Amino acid sequence: MNELLGAIEKLSAVAALKSSFVAYPVVNGLHVLAIGALVTSVLLMDFRLLGAFASMPASPFQRLLRRVALFAFAVAVLTGITIFAVRARDYAASPVFLLKLTLIAAAIANFLFFSWLQAGRSETKPPTPLMRLSAVCSVLLWLGVLFAGRFIGFYG
């Protein structure tokens, strides 16, 4: 595994990224921006489900924020893979990085579970207690992803 990770770090595109004065900070900045957009849109959707912003119609609010969240997630994944490639061996050995990946996987599983709970339900029906619990879990998981990501920079 270490050989594969070392080979990733030696790819020409990764070497170009490492040596560029502009490219790496831009990719890193886009990653931070995407995570910010993702977490903000998810939190707003979850808070709406938990009773905040009740004066706003749920359907257009959630449709817009879900699109933002999915786009931001895609950008975060692409930029995250790019950042990972620069120090693949270090990141793969980092417990904080592995925690972040675990939290992301749990957040995705929670999203899929929530989508299953919501499937076929009328928008006029109030959320079930299980849906509300899923929203609380979503808030905690995505905030965990955000903080774990910040800790990677300080504790590798």
Protein backbone atom coordinates (compact mmCIF):
# COMPACT_ATOMS: atom_id res chain seq x y z
CA MET A 1 0.00 0.00 0.00
CA ASN A 2 2.82 2.36 0.87
CA GLU A 3 4.31 1.79 -2.61
CA LEU A 4 1.00 2.71 -4.27
CA LEU A 5 0.70 5.86 -2.18
CA GLY A 6 4.31 6.78 -2.99
CA ALA A 7 3.58 6.26 -6.69
CA ILE A 8 0.58 8.60 -6.43
CA GLU A 9 2.80 11.28 -4.90
CA LYS A 10 5.27 10.91 -7.81
CA LEU A 11 2.70 11.35 -10.60
CA SER A 12 3.69 14.17 -12.95
CA ALA A 13 0.46 16.07 -12.33
CA VAL A 14 1.06 15.87 -8.58
CA ALA A 15 4.67 17.01 -9.00
CA ALA A 16 3.44 19.96 -11.07
CA LEU A 17 0.91 20.81 -8.38
CA LYS A 18 3.61 20.68 -5.67
CA SER A 19 5.96 22.91 -7.62
CA SER A 20 3.38 25.50 -8.61
CA PHE A 21 3.32 28.69 -6.59
CA VAL A 22 -0.37 29.20 -7.47
CA ALA A 23 -2.03 25.84 -8.13
CA TYR A 24 -1.82 24.19 -4.69
CA PRO A 25 -3.15 27.21 -2.75
CA VAL A 26 -5.97 27.57 -5.31
CA VAL A 27 -6.94 23.90 -5.00
CA ASN A 28 -6.74 24.16 -1.21
CA GLY A 29 -8.85 27.33 -1.23
CA LEU A 30 -11.45 25.69 -3.48
CA HIS A 31 -11.57 22.75 -1.07
CA VAL A 32 -12.21 25.05 1.88
CA LEU A 33 -14.84 26.96 -0.10
CA ALA A 34 -16.58 23.74 -1.17
CA ILE A 35 -16.61 22.37 2.37
CA GLY A 36 -18.02 25.68 3.60
CA ALA A 37 -20.79 25.64 0.98
CA LEU A 38 -21.54 21.98 1.68
CA VAL A 39 -21.71 22.32 5.45
CA THR A 40 -23.70 25.56 5.29
CA SER A 41 -26.29 24.15 2.89
CA VAL A 42 -26.62 20.91 4.87
CA LEU A 43 -26.99 22.80 8.16
CA LEU A 44 -29.65 25.06 6.68
CA MET A 45 -31.62 22.06 5.38
CA ASP A 46 -31.30 20.26 8.71
CA PHE A 47 -32.29 23.33 10.71
CA ARG A 48 -35.31 23.79 8.41
CA LEU A 49 -36.34 20.22 9.13
CA LEU A 50 -35.91 20.87 12.85
CA GLY A 51 -38.24 23.88 12.73
CA ALA A 52 -36.13 26.89 11.78
CA PHE A 53 -37.09 29.02 8.77
CA ALA A 54 -40.65 27.70 8.97
CA SER A 55 -41.97 30.74 7.12
CA MET A 56 -40.06 29.66 3.98
CA PRO A 57 -41.69 27.11 1.69
CA ALA A 58 -39.86 23.83 2.26
CA SER A 59 -39.74 22.47 -1.28
CA PRO A 60 -37.94 25.30 -3.13
CA PHE A 61 -35.66 25.88 -0.14
CA GLN A 62 -34.59 22.25 0.03
CA ARG A 63 -34.35 21.83 -3.75
CA LEU A 64 -31.92 24.74 -4.02
CA LEU A 65 -29.85 23.76 -1.01
CA ARG A 66 -29.68 20.11 -2.05
CA ARG A 67 -28.28 21.16 -5.44
CA VAL A 68 -25.74 23.42 -3.74
CA ALA A 69 -24.78 20.62 -1.32
CA LEU A 70 -24.35 18.02 -4.08
CA PHE A 71 -22.28 20.37 -6.25
CA ALA A 72 -20.16 21.45 -3.27
CA PHE A 73 -19.67 17.81 -2.25
CA ALA A 74 -18.44 16.95 -5.76
CA VAL A 75 -15.98 19.87 -5.73
CA ALA A 76 -14.83 18.94 -2.21
CA VAL A 77 -14.20 15.34 -3.26
CA LEU A 78 -12.25 16.34 -6.38
CA THR A 79 -10.14 18.93 -4.60
CA GLY A 80 -9.74 16.63 -1.59
CA ILE A 81 -8.37 13.84 -3.77
CA THR A 82 -5.97 16.34 -5.32
CA ILE A 83 -4.77 17.56 -1.92
CA PHE A 84 -4.47 13.95 -0.71
CA ALA A 85 -2.25 13.06 -3.66
CA VAL A 86 0.38 15.62 -2.63
CA ARG A 87 1.03 13.83 0.70
CA ALA A 88 -0.76 10.50 0.23
CA ARG A 89 1.47 8.49 2.58
CA ASP A 90 1.24 11.06 5.36
CA TYR A 91 -2.52 11.43 5.09
CA ALA A 92 -3.14 7.68 4.88
CA ALA A 93 -1.21 7.25 8.14
CA SER A 94 -2.99 10.09 9.92
CA PRO A 95 -5.64 9.05 12.46
CA VAL A 96 -7.31 12.46 12.07
CA PHE A 97 -7.56 12.02 8.29
CA LEU A 98 -9.00 8.53 8.77
CA LEU A 99 -11.49 9.96 11.27
CA LYS A 100 -12.53 12.56 8.68
CA LEU A 101 -13.11 9.85 6.06
CA THR A 102 -15.10 7.80 8.58
CA LEU A 103 -17.27 10.80 9.45
CA ILE A 104 -17.85 11.51 5.74
CA ALA A 105 -18.90 7.89 5.18
CA ALA A 106 -21.26 8.08 8.18
CA ALA A 107 -22.72 11.39 6.93
CA ILE A 108 -23.34 9.88 3.49
CA ALA A 109 -24.99 6.82 5.08
CA ASN A 110 -27.14 9.14 7.19
CA PHE A 111 -28.14 11.10 4.06
CA LEU A 112 -29.12 7.88 2.28
CA PHE A 113 -31.10 6.76 5.35
CA PHE A 114 -32.87 10.12 5.52
CA SER A 115 -33.64 9.96 1.78
CA TRP A 116 -35.14 6.51 2.33
CA LEU A 117 -37.26 7.84 5.21
CA GLN A 118 -38.42 10.77 3.09
CA ALA A 119 -39.18 8.77 -0.07
CA GLY A 120 -42.83 8.96 -1.04
CA ARG A 121 -43.78 11.26 1.84
CA SER A 122 -45.89 14.31 1.22
CA GLU A 123 -44.14 17.61 1.90
CA THR A 124 -47.10 18.72 3.94
CA LYS A 125 -46.55 15.97 6.52
CA PRO A 126 -44.43 16.99 9.48
CA PRO A 127 -41.11 15.17 9.83
CA THR A 128 -41.12 12.02 11.91
CA PRO A 129 -39.04 11.76 15.08
CA LEU A 130 -36.63 9.50 13.18
CA MET A 131 -36.26 12.13 10.45
CA ARG A 132 -35.52 14.75 13.11
CA LEU A 133 -32.95 12.44 14.71
CA SER A 134 -31.34 11.98 11.30
CA ALA A 135 -31.16 15.77 10.90
CA VAL A 136 -29.46 16.12 14.30
CA CYS A 137 -27.01 13.37 13.34
CA SER A 138 -26.35 15.16 10.06
CA VAL A 139 -25.50 18.40 11.86
CA LEU A 140 -23.13 16.61 14.22
CA LEU A 141 -21.49 14.51 11.50
CA TRP A 142 -20.85 17.38 9.09
CA LEU A 143 -19.54 19.61 11.86
CA GLY A 144 -17.28 16.70 12.82
CA VAL A 145 -16.04 16.49 9.23
CA LEU A 146 -15.35 20.22 9.24
CA PHE A 147 -13.39 20.15 12.51
CA ALA A 148 -11.52 16.96 11.65
CA GLY A 149 -10.44 18.59 8.40
CA ARG A 150 -9.10 21.60 10.27
CA PHE A 151 -7.22 19.36 12.71
CA ILE A 152 -5.48 17.57 9.83
CA GLY A 153 -3.60 20.75 9.05
CA PHE A 154 -2.32 21.02 12.61
CA TYR A 155 -1.87 17.40 13.71
CA GLY A 156 -1.38 15.68 10.35
